[in-house]
Protein backbone atom coordinates (compact mmCIF):
# COMPACT_ATOMS: atom_id res chain seq x y z
CA MET A 1 -73.31 12.37 53.27
CA GLU A 2 -71.55 13.16 50.00
CA ILE A 3 -69.90 9.73 49.99
CA LYS A 4 -73.29 8.09 50.59
CA ASN A 5 -74.80 9.97 47.65
CA TYR A 6 -71.94 8.92 45.41
CA PHE A 7 -72.41 5.32 46.51
CA ASN A 8 -76.10 5.45 45.62
CA ASP A 9 -75.22 6.95 42.22
CA TYR A 10 -72.62 4.44 41.16
CA LYS A 11 -73.65 1.31 43.07
CA LYS A 12 -75.12 -0.14 39.86
CA TYR A 13 -71.65 0.03 38.32
CA MET A 14 -70.25 -1.72 41.38
CA ILE A 15 -72.86 -4.46 41.06
CA ILE A 16 -72.02 -4.98 37.38
CA TYR A 17 -68.34 -5.12 38.32
CA LEU A 18 -68.88 -7.72 41.05
CA VAL A 19 -71.05 -9.87 38.77
CA PHE A 20 -68.33 -10.05 36.12
CA VAL A 21 -65.63 -10.70 38.71
CA ALA A 22 -67.73 -13.66 39.87
CA ILE A 23 -68.08 -14.88 36.26
CA PHE A 24 -64.31 -14.64 35.73
CA LEU A 25 -63.63 -16.44 38.99
CA PHE A 26 -66.02 -19.24 38.03
CA ALA A 27 -64.43 -19.53 34.56
CA MET A 28 -60.92 -19.61 36.03
CA TYR A 29 -61.79 -22.34 38.50
CA ASN A 30 -59.37 -25.25 38.49
CA ALA A 31 -58.22 -28.01 40.79
CA LYS A 32 -55.40 -25.81 42.11
CA LEU A 33 -57.74 -22.97 43.07
CA PHE A 34 -57.86 -24.08 46.70
CA GLU A 35 -54.15 -24.83 46.93
CA HIS A 36 -52.44 -22.05 48.87
CA TYR A 37 -55.87 -20.42 48.89
CA HIS A 38 -54.75 -17.81 51.43
CA TYR A 39 -52.53 -16.17 48.80
CA LYS A 40 -55.35 -16.23 46.27
CA VAL A 41 -57.83 -14.76 48.75
CA ILE A 42 -55.45 -11.93 49.62
CA PHE A 43 -54.59 -11.05 46.02
CA LEU A 44 -58.16 -11.40 44.75
CA SER A 45 -59.42 -9.23 47.59
CA ILE A 46 -56.86 -6.56 46.75
CA THR A 47 -57.89 -6.74 43.09
CA VAL A 48 -61.58 -6.31 43.91
CA ILE A 49 -60.89 -3.41 46.29
CA VAL A 50 -58.72 -1.71 43.67
CA GLY A 51 -61.44 -2.25 41.06
CA LEU A 52 -64.16 -0.75 43.25
CA CYS A 53 -61.90 2.19 44.11
CA GLY A 54 -61.25 2.59 40.38
CA ILE A 55 -64.99 2.84 39.73
CA TYR A 56 -65.34 5.45 42.48
CA TYR A 57 -62.36 7.44 41.15
CA SER A 58 -63.68 7.23 37.59
CA TYR A 59 -67.11 8.46 38.70
CA ARG A 60 -65.55 11.43 40.47
CA ASN A 61 -63.30 12.27 37.50
CA LYS A 62 -65.39 11.22 34.51
CA ASN A 63 -64.75 14.61 32.89
CA ASN A 64 -60.98 14.12 33.21
CA LEU A 65 -60.37 11.01 31.15
CA HIS A 66 -56.61 11.60 31.07
CA LYS A 67 -56.46 11.32 34.86
CA ILE A 68 -58.54 8.15 34.79
CA GLY A 69 -56.30 6.68 32.10
CA LEU A 70 -53.13 7.41 34.05
CA ALA A 71 -54.55 6.01 37.28
CA LEU A 72 -55.82 2.79 35.71
CA ILE A 73 -52.67 2.16 33.69
CA ILE A 74 -50.26 2.77 36.56
CA VAL A 75 -52.24 1.03 39.31
CA PHE A 76 -53.21 -2.09 37.36
CA GLY A 77 -49.88 -2.08 35.54
CA LEU A 78 -47.93 -2.05 38.80
CA MET A 79 -50.10 -4.85 40.14
CA LEU A 80 -49.26 -6.89 37.06
CA VAL A 81 -45.55 -6.06 37.35
CA PHE A 82 -45.45 -7.77 40.74
CA LEU A 83 -48.10 -10.46 40.15
CA ALA A 84 -46.64 -11.83 36.91
CA PRO A 85 -43.88 -14.33 37.72
CA PRO A 86 -40.38 -13.67 36.39
CA MET A 87 -40.05 -14.22 32.65
CA SER A 88 -43.75 -15.06 32.27
CA PHE A 89 -44.63 -12.44 29.63
CA PRO A 90 -44.26 -13.53 25.98
CA ASP A 91 -40.54 -13.87 25.13
CA GLU A 92 -39.68 -11.89 28.27
CA ALA A 93 -36.31 -13.60 28.78
CA THR A 94 -35.41 -12.77 25.18
CA HIS A 95 -36.26 -9.10 25.63
CA PHE A 96 -34.63 -8.88 29.06
CA THR A 97 -31.42 -10.28 27.56
CA ARG A 98 -31.37 -7.46 25.03
CA ALA A 99 -32.06 -4.84 27.71
CA GLU A 100 -29.31 -6.32 29.89
CA LEU A 101 -26.83 -6.11 27.00
CA LEU A 102 -27.83 -2.49 26.39
CA SER A 103 -27.40 -1.68 30.08
CA GLU A 104 -23.78 -2.80 29.65
CA GLY A 105 -23.29 -0.47 26.68
CA GLN A 106 -23.78 -2.98 23.85
CA LEU A 107 -26.10 -1.32 21.33
CA TYR A 108 -26.54 -4.41 19.18
CA PRO A 109 -26.05 -8.03 20.28
CA GLU A 110 -23.10 -10.00 18.97
CA ALA A 111 -23.98 -13.62 18.33
CA THR A 112 -21.48 -16.44 18.79
CA ASP A 113 -21.68 -20.16 18.08
CA LYS A 114 -22.75 -20.67 21.70
CA GLY A 115 -25.25 -17.83 21.81
CA PHE A 116 -25.05 -14.32 23.24
CA TYR A 117 -22.39 -13.63 25.87
CA VAL A 118 -24.15 -11.80 28.68
CA ASN A 119 -24.31 -11.42 32.45
CA ASP A 120 -26.00 -14.59 33.64
CA TYR A 121 -27.44 -13.47 37.00
CA TYR A 122 -31.00 -13.71 35.66
CA PHE A 123 -30.79 -17.15 34.04
CA ASN A 124 -32.31 -18.92 37.04
CA MET A 125 -35.42 -16.69 36.89
CA ASN A 126 -36.59 -18.34 33.65
CA GLN A 127 -38.90 -20.78 35.44
CA ALA A 128 -42.40 -19.46 34.70
CA GLN A 129 -43.36 -22.74 33.05
CA ASN A 130 -42.93 -24.37 36.46
CA SER A 131 -45.19 -21.74 38.08
CA SER A 132 -42.22 -20.34 39.99
CA THR A 133 -43.10 -17.08 41.74
CA VAL A 134 -41.35 -14.88 44.28
CA LEU A 135 -43.38 -16.64 46.97
CA ASN A 136 -42.17 -20.17 46.26
CA SER A 137 -38.71 -19.54 44.78
CA ASN A 138 -35.60 -17.59 45.67
CA PHE A 139 -34.94 -14.79 43.20
CA ASN A 140 -32.94 -12.64 45.61
CA ASN A 141 -29.45 -13.44 44.41
CA PRO A 142 -27.17 -10.45 43.85
CA ILE A 143 -26.66 -8.94 40.41
CA THR A 144 -23.20 -10.01 39.27
CA ASP A 145 -21.06 -9.64 36.18
CA HIS A 146 -20.49 -13.38 35.86
CA LYS A 147 -20.97 -14.30 32.21
CA GLY A 148 -22.85 -17.03 30.42
CA TYR A 149 -24.41 -17.74 27.04
CA TRP A 150 -28.07 -17.08 26.28
CA GLU A 151 -29.45 -18.81 23.22
CA TYR A 152 -31.27 -15.95 21.53
CA THR A 153 -32.32 -12.32 21.69
CA THR A 154 -33.63 -9.67 19.30
CA ASP A 155 -31.82 -7.49 16.77
CA SER A 156 -34.37 -4.68 16.97
CA PRO A 157 -33.16 -1.06 17.16
CA PHE A 158 -31.50 -0.31 20.48
CA TYR A 159 -33.77 2.64 21.27
CA SER A 160 -36.72 0.29 21.83
CA TYR A 161 -34.94 -1.04 24.95
CA ILE A 162 -33.60 2.20 26.43
CA LEU A 163 -36.22 2.46 29.18
CA SER A 164 -35.95 -1.16 30.32
CA ALA A 165 -32.14 -0.91 30.20
CA LEU A 166 -32.28 2.21 32.38
CA GLY A 167 -34.42 0.27 34.85
CA ILE A 168 -31.80 -2.48 35.00
CA MET A 169 -29.03 0.08 35.43
CA LEU A 170 -30.89 1.68 38.34
CA ALA A 171 -31.21 -1.71 40.05
CA LYS A 172 -27.46 -2.21 39.62
CA ILE A 173 -26.62 1.25 40.95
CA LEU A 174 -28.80 0.65 44.02
CA ASN A 175 -27.13 -2.75 44.51
CA LEU A 176 -30.47 -4.56 44.47
CA THR A 177 -31.12 -8.24 43.79
CA GLU A 178 -31.85 -9.95 40.47
CA ILE A 179 -35.63 -9.79 40.79
CA TRP A 180 -35.50 -6.01 41.12
CA ALA A 181 -33.57 -5.70 37.89
CA LEU A 182 -36.57 -7.34 36.21
CA TYR A 183 -39.11 -5.32 38.18
CA PHE A 184 -37.38 -2.02 37.38
CA ALA A 185 -37.16 -2.95 33.69
CA ARG A 186 -40.90 -3.60 33.67
CA ILE A 187 -41.74 -0.47 35.67
CA ALA A 188 -39.66 1.81 33.44
CA ASN A 189 -41.64 0.81 30.34
CA LEU A 190 -44.92 1.08 32.24
CA LEU A 191 -44.19 4.60 33.50
CA LEU A 192 -43.38 5.84 30.00
CA TYR A 193 -46.53 4.25 28.62
CA GLY A 194 -48.69 5.73 31.37
CA ALA A 195 -47.18 9.20 31.01
CA VAL A 196 -47.62 9.24 27.23
CA ALA A 197 -51.19 7.95 27.54
CA TYR A 198 -51.95 10.73 30.04
CA PHE A 199 -50.69 13.51 27.77
CA MET A 200 -52.15 12.05 24.57
CA ILE A 201 -55.64 11.63 26.07
CA LYS A 202 -55.38 15.14 27.52
CA THR A 203 -54.28 16.82 24.28
CA ILE A 204 -56.27 14.91 21.66
CA PRO A 205 -59.13 17.23 20.57
CA LYS A 206 -61.60 14.41 19.87
CA PHE A 207 -61.68 10.61 20.19
CA LYS A 208 -60.72 10.87 23.89
CA LEU A 209 -62.75 7.97 25.24
CA PRO A 210 -61.83 5.62 22.36
CA LEU A 211 -58.15 6.46 22.95
CA LEU A 212 -58.60 5.62 26.63
CA VAL A 213 -60.26 2.33 25.68
CA ILE A 214 -57.38 1.49 23.34
CA ALA A 215 -54.71 2.49 25.87
CA THR A 216 -56.28 0.22 28.49
CA ILE A 217 -56.77 -2.87 26.35
CA PRO A 218 -55.65 -5.70 28.66
CA LEU A 219 -53.06 -6.92 26.18
CA CYS A 220 -51.66 -3.38 25.92
CA ILE A 221 -51.32 -3.16 29.70
CA SER A 222 -49.62 -6.55 29.91
CA GLN A 223 -47.11 -5.65 27.19
CA ALA A 224 -46.49 -2.18 28.63
CA SER A 225 -45.68 -3.87 31.95
CA SER A 226 -42.91 -5.98 30.43
CA PRO A 227 -39.37 -5.29 29.11
CA SER A 228 -40.56 -6.06 25.57
CA TYR A 229 -40.05 -3.69 22.66
CA ASP A 230 -43.83 -3.98 22.23
CA ALA A 231 -44.10 -1.51 25.11
CA PHE A 232 -42.21 1.01 22.96
CA ILE A 233 -44.36 0.24 19.91
CA LEU A 234 -47.60 0.66 21.86
CA THR A 235 -46.40 3.89 23.48
CA PHE A 236 -45.63 5.49 20.14
CA SER A 237 -48.82 4.08 18.65
CA LEU A 238 -50.72 6.32 21.07
CA ILE A 239 -48.76 9.28 19.71
CA ILE A 240 -49.55 8.28 16.13
CA ILE A 241 -53.28 8.02 16.89
CA THR A 242 -53.31 11.37 18.70
CA TYR A 243 -51.55 13.30 15.95
CA PHE A 244 -53.62 11.64 13.25
CA VAL A 245 -56.79 12.81 15.00
CA LYS A 246 -55.30 16.26 15.60
CA MET A 247 -54.55 16.68 11.92
CA TYR A 248 -57.93 15.26 10.92
CA CYS A 249 -59.50 17.95 13.10
CA GLY A 250 -57.61 20.65 11.18
CA GLU A 251 -54.33 20.99 13.10
CA ILE A 252 -52.11 20.24 10.10
CA ASN A 253 -48.69 21.87 10.37
CA GLU A 254 -45.00 20.99 10.07
CA LYS A 255 -44.66 20.06 13.74
CA ASN A 256 -47.60 17.66 13.81
CA LEU A 257 -46.60 16.05 10.51
CA ALA A 258 -43.04 15.59 11.76
CA ILE A 259 -44.14 14.00 15.06
CA PHE A 260 -46.59 11.76 13.20
CA PHE A 261 -44.10 10.46 10.65
CA ILE A 262 -41.15 10.16 13.05
CA SER A 263 -43.29 8.08 15.40
CA ILE A 264 -44.28 5.82 12.51
CA LEU A 265 -40.65 5.49 11.47
CA LEU A 266 -39.50 4.54 14.97
CA ILE A 267 -41.97 1.67 15.32
CA SER A 268 -41.55 0.60 11.70
CA LEU A 269 -37.85 -0.01 12.16
CA ILE A 270 -38.97 -2.63 14.69
CA LYS A 271 -41.83 -4.08 12.62
CA PRO A 272 -41.79 -2.89 8.96
CA PRO A 273 -45.51 -3.30 8.11
CA TYR A 274 -46.35 -0.39 10.43
CA ILE A 275 -44.69 1.90 7.89
CA LEU A 276 -47.98 1.78 5.99
CA LEU A 277 -49.58 3.83 8.76
CA GLY A 278 -48.10 6.76 6.85
CA PHE A 279 -50.93 6.36 4.37
CA LEU A 280 -53.36 7.56 7.04
CA THR A 281 -52.62 10.99 5.59
CA LEU A 282 -54.82 10.01 2.64
CA VAL A 283 -57.88 10.74 4.77
CA LEU A 284 -56.64 14.08 6.11
CA PRO A 285 -58.40 17.28 4.95
CA PHE A 286 -55.44 19.25 3.59
CA LYS A 287 -56.29 22.93 3.13
CA GLU A 288 -52.79 24.03 2.16
CA SER A 289 -51.08 22.27 -0.73
CA LYS A 290 -47.62 22.54 0.83
CA TYR A 291 -48.61 20.26 3.71
CA LYS A 292 -49.99 17.73 1.26
CA LYS A 293 -46.66 17.82 -0.55
CA TYR A 294 -44.81 17.33 2.73
CA SER A 295 -46.94 14.29 3.53
CA ILE A 296 -46.29 12.80 0.08
CA ILE A 297 -42.54 13.31 0.50
CA PHE A 298 -42.57 11.74 3.94
CA SER A 299 -44.64 8.82 2.65
CA ILE A 300 -42.20 8.18 -0.20
CA ILE A 301 -39.32 8.21 2.26
CA LEU A 302 -41.14 5.72 4.47
CA ILE A 303 -41.83 3.44 1.49
CA ALA A 304 -38.14 3.55 0.58
CA ILE A 305 -37.19 2.61 4.12
CA THR A 306 -39.70 -0.25 3.98
CA VAL A 307 -38.04 -1.64 0.86
CA LEU A 308 -34.64 -1.40 2.54
CA SER A 309 -35.86 -2.94 5.76
CA VAL A 310 -36.99 -6.14 4.06
CA SER A 311 -33.82 -6.49 2.00
CA SER A 312 -31.20 -9.03 3.01
CA ILE A 313 -28.79 -6.24 3.95
CA PHE A 314 -31.06 -4.75 6.60
CA THR A 315 -33.14 -7.75 7.68
CA SER A 316 -31.10 -8.49 10.80
CA MET A 317 -31.76 -5.01 12.13
CA PHE A 318 -35.50 -5.36 12.17
CA VAL A 319 -36.57 -8.89 13.06
CA GLN A 320 -35.97 -11.34 15.81
CA SER A 321 -33.44 -14.03 15.13
CA ALA A 322 -35.01 -16.95 13.31
CA PRO A 323 -35.73 -20.07 15.33
CA ALA A 324 -34.31 -22.61 12.91
CA SER A 325 -31.84 -23.00 10.07
CA THR A 326 -34.70 -24.00 7.75
CA VAL A 327 -35.84 -20.37 7.71
CA SER A 328 -34.60 -18.28 4.80
CA ARG A 329 -36.12 -15.15 3.35
CA ALA A 330 -34.50 -15.73 -0.03
CA GLY A 331 -35.46 -19.39 -0.01
CA GLN A 332 -39.03 -18.57 0.90
CA MET A 333 -39.30 -16.00 -1.88
CA GLN A 334 -37.94 -18.54 -4.37
CA PHE A 335 -40.45 -21.10 -3.15
CA ILE A 336 -43.34 -18.65 -3.65
CA MET A 337 -42.15 -17.77 -7.16
CA SER A 338 -41.94 -21.46 -8.04
CA ASN A 339 -45.28 -22.29 -6.38
CA PRO A 340 -47.54 -19.23 -6.72
CA LEU A 341 -50.65 -21.26 -5.81
CA ILE A 342 -49.26 -21.49 -2.27
CA LEU A 343 -50.61 -17.95 -1.82
CA ILE A 344 -54.14 -19.41 -1.86
CA ASP A 345 -53.25 -21.78 0.98
CA LEU A 346 -51.65 -18.93 2.91
CA ALA A 347 -54.74 -16.75 2.43
CA LYS A 348 -56.91 -19.60 3.73
CA ASN A 349 -54.56 -19.99 6.68
CA MET A 350 -54.91 -16.29 7.54
CA ILE A 351 -58.71 -16.59 7.59
CA VAL A 352 -58.91 -19.94 9.39
CA SER A 353 -56.43 -18.80 12.05
CA ILE A 354 -58.56 -15.82 13.17
CA PRO A 355 -60.27 -17.67 16.07
CA ASP A 356 -56.92 -18.97 17.29
CA LEU A 357 -55.27 -15.59 16.87
CA PHE A 358 -57.79 -13.53 18.83
CA ILE A 359 -59.44 -16.07 21.15
CA MET A 360 -58.05 -19.58 21.49
CA LYS A 361 -54.35 -18.74 21.53
CA SER A 362 -54.36 -15.03 22.31
CA ASN A 363 -52.12 -15.05 25.37
CA TYR A 364 -51.04 -12.50 27.91
CA PHE A 365 -48.29 -14.67 29.31
CA HIS A 366 -45.69 -16.94 27.75
CA TYR A 367 -47.40 -20.17 28.77
CA ALA A 368 -51.06 -19.93 27.84
CA ASP A 369 -52.64 -22.92 29.62
CA PHE A 370 -54.79 -20.65 31.78
CA GLU A 371 -58.30 -21.60 32.83
CA GLY A 372 -60.87 -19.05 31.70
CA TYR A 373 -58.74 -16.96 29.37
CA LYS A 374 -60.76 -18.02 26.31
CA LEU A 375 -63.99 -16.77 27.88
CA PHE A 376 -62.13 -13.64 28.96
CA ASN A 377 -61.02 -13.03 25.36
CA ILE A 378 -64.49 -13.67 23.95
CA LEU A 379 -66.16 -11.28 26.38
CA TYR A 380 -63.56 -8.59 25.72
CA ILE A 381 -63.94 -8.87 21.94
CA ILE A 382 -67.73 -8.59 22.30
CA ALA A 383 -67.38 -5.53 24.54
CA PHE A 384 -64.85 -3.85 22.24
CA LEU A 385 -66.92 -4.48 19.11
CA ALA A 386 -70.07 -3.23 20.86
CA PHE A 387 -68.25 -0.05 21.83
CA SER A 388 -66.84 0.35 18.31
CA LEU A 389 -70.24 -0.11 16.70
CA PHE A 390 -72.63 1.72 18.98
CA TYR A 391 -70.82 4.33 21.06
CA LYS A 392 -71.33 7.83 19.68
CA LEU A 393 -67.96 8.88 18.32
CA ASP A 394 -67.24 12.58 17.92
CA ILE A 395 -65.46 11.75 14.66
CA ASN A 396 -67.69 10.56 11.84
CA LEU A 397 -65.72 9.61 8.74
CA GLU A 398 -67.29 9.68 5.32
CA LYS A 399 -67.79 6.40 3.48
CA ASN A 400 -64.85 6.88 1.11
CA LYS A 401 -62.49 7.61 4.01
CA ARG A 402 -63.70 4.53 5.85
CA ILE A 403 -62.90 2.51 2.74
CA ILE A 404 -59.38 3.97 2.67
CA LEU A 405 -58.89 3.11 6.34
CA SER A 406 -60.17 -0.41 5.68
CA ILE A 407 -57.66 -0.88 2.87
CA ILE A 408 -54.80 0.39 5.05
CA PHE A 409 -55.91 -1.91 7.87
CA LEU A 410 -56.04 -4.96 5.60
CA ILE A 411 -52.69 -4.23 3.95
CA ILE A 412 -50.95 -3.92 7.32
CA TYR A 413 -52.80 -6.99 8.60
CA ILE A 414 -51.65 -9.06 5.62
CA GLY A 415 -48.19 -7.46 5.73
CA ILE A 416 -47.62 -8.73 9.27
CA TYR A 417 -48.41 -12.25 8.08
CA GLY A 418 -46.17 -11.76 5.05
CA ILE A 419 -43.15 -10.63 7.08
CA LEU A 420 -43.52 -13.56 9.47
CA TYR A 421 -43.85 -16.00 6.57
CA LEU A 422 -40.61 -14.73 5.09
CA GLN A 423 -38.63 -14.28 8.30
CA TRP A 424 -40.00 -16.84 10.76
CA THR A 425 -41.65 -19.73 8.86
CA PRO A 426 -39.63 -22.69 7.48
CA VAL A 427 -39.23 -22.67 3.71
CA GLY A 428 -42.04 -24.46 1.89
CA SER A 429 -44.59 -24.31 4.69
CA ASN A 430 -48.26 -23.83 3.79
CA VAL A 431 -49.01 -22.15 7.13
CA ILE A 432 -47.61 -18.99 8.70
CA LEU A 433 -45.86 -19.30 12.05
CA GLY A 434 -45.14 -16.77 14.78
CA VAL A 435 -48.23 -14.55 14.35
CA GLN A 436 -49.42 -13.18 17.70
CA THR A 437 -52.31 -10.94 18.69
CA ARG A 438 -50.12 -8.16 20.07
CA TYR A 439 -48.71 -7.43 16.61
CA PHE A 440 -52.11 -6.01 15.58
CA LEU A 441 -52.59 -3.65 18.53
CA PRO A 442 -51.15 -0.56 16.73
CA ILE A 443 -53.88 -0.76 14.08
CA ILE A 444 -56.82 -1.63 16.34
CA PHE A 445 -57.79 2.05 16.67
CA MET A 446 -59.04 1.96 13.07
CA VAL A 447 -61.79 -0.51 13.95
CA PRO A 448 -64.20 1.98 15.61
CA LEU A 449 -63.46 4.57 12.93
CA ILE A 450 -64.34 2.06 10.22
CA ILE A 451 -67.36 0.22 11.64
CA ASN A 452 -69.04 2.80 13.89
CA LEU A 453 -72.70 3.08 12.96
CA LYS A 454 -74.06 6.48 12.01
CA ASN A 455 -77.67 6.08 13.05
CA LYS A 456 -77.57 3.73 16.05
CA LYS A 457 -75.51 5.36 18.74
CA ILE A 458 -75.43 5.36 22.49
CA GLU A 459 -74.76 8.64 24.27
CA ASN A 460 -73.86 9.53 27.84
CA LYS A 461 -72.78 6.00 28.77
CA GLU A 462 -69.19 6.83 29.66
CA MET A 463 -69.42 5.29 33.13
CA TYR A 464 -70.51 1.97 31.67
CA VAL A 465 -67.50 2.05 29.35
CA LEU A 466 -65.17 2.94 32.22
CA THR A 467 -66.71 0.19 34.36
CA PHE A 468 -66.04 -2.41 31.69
CA ILE A 469 -62.46 -1.17 31.31
CA ILE A 470 -61.97 -1.79 35.03
CA ILE A 471 -63.77 -5.15 34.82
CA PHE A 472 -61.39 -6.46 32.17
CA LEU A 473 -58.29 -5.05 33.83
CA SER A 474 -59.36 -6.82 37.02
CA GLY A 475 -59.87 -9.99 34.98
CA LEU A 476 -56.35 -9.60 33.66
CA MET A 477 -55.04 -9.52 37.24
CA MET A 478 -57.07 -12.63 38.07
CA LEU A 479 -55.38 -14.71 35.37
CA PRO A 480 -51.96 -14.91 37.09
CA ILE A 481 -53.52 -14.98 40.57
CA THR A 482 -55.63 -18.07 39.87
CA HIS A 483 -52.95 -19.79 37.80
CA TYR A 484 -49.66 -19.15 39.59
CA TYR A 485 -50.52 -18.57 43.25
């Protein structure tokens, strides 16, 4: 009887869910949809069942958002771990190479004229472009120490690959096959992300539902389910958000300041523009002058590290190896100094590229020719902006603090473009190459804080928000199912 009552209560959410699943399925229709349809039917059925169970679980636990967050992240994340073909996430082979090197005790990669000398057992898994999955290809070869040369990898700090390297090591210890080395690398990052999300949502005094929304952004889940250092960045971004909110709510002390700034430092050594998140302290209500002094000192230290990180001495530590010999930070700087008007073209490029960045070319997988993903992106952006504008936040920033947040957001946004122009774009180009949506995820939490309306708010609609989270996570699962299987 209790189950029947629950069904009557939340059946409207189930109907909404099924309608959007049907819309996604229609949008993702392609000529291959009926090829090997039995696999698609099985996987789509599992996805729908998991989604409906997620709605039921969310309804039963709507007062325990941390439990909902953990369940959704782990369940949908694990589904994606196994549904996404080997090396199908953005630059996954590049990141796996770095994790493999670290699993062998090499903290930083050593480049040679031929590439990076590494165990080559995983080379044959780099076939995602050919739609190779575990169902139509053999990825069960043993893990060996036979060596080969891989063309490129990253020079990011080693700690950003510790979890994925531990996953690879576990697969080796258990004497598993090559595919399990990849699966364990993905799972290790996912488990850390899920655990941190659970504790951050549980401990944050306010902003709980927005933090859950941010933690379950489809692009966050896809990156957290990969060996990429972006999983590390996103994990520590949740910590930064939580401790920022804690301190904004009055919990300013040495411990919280230390955790906040150390977390910023760790992700900034991977991508320097994030160092500017330290300026979030400008909106904190300091009641004791000593804590304000501490924050100023920490901010100065972070600025100094930023200057060092973009110098030629430290550049190789922080950015991925450049794709061509025509790329030169010094040469690019000289070009800008000689042609200052190029900055106008670059500013235009940043504005014009917004639709491509967030809709047309915002990809969850390395090869983005997926049917329906543009509609998926558009609907998600609409849903996220609607939530940011109209949902009643329990934090209401004053106008001047919103302006400060807006400035910080824009500086980091432009800084990401600037770093990629210097480190990734050929000298003399009037466009900026290499910019991807996932680079902006650590600052997306500022959007609801900046644009949330004071007078037009929606209350007591948590289940609708949770339903749409599950809708879009299900849509994320449908992308590889309809494309690869």
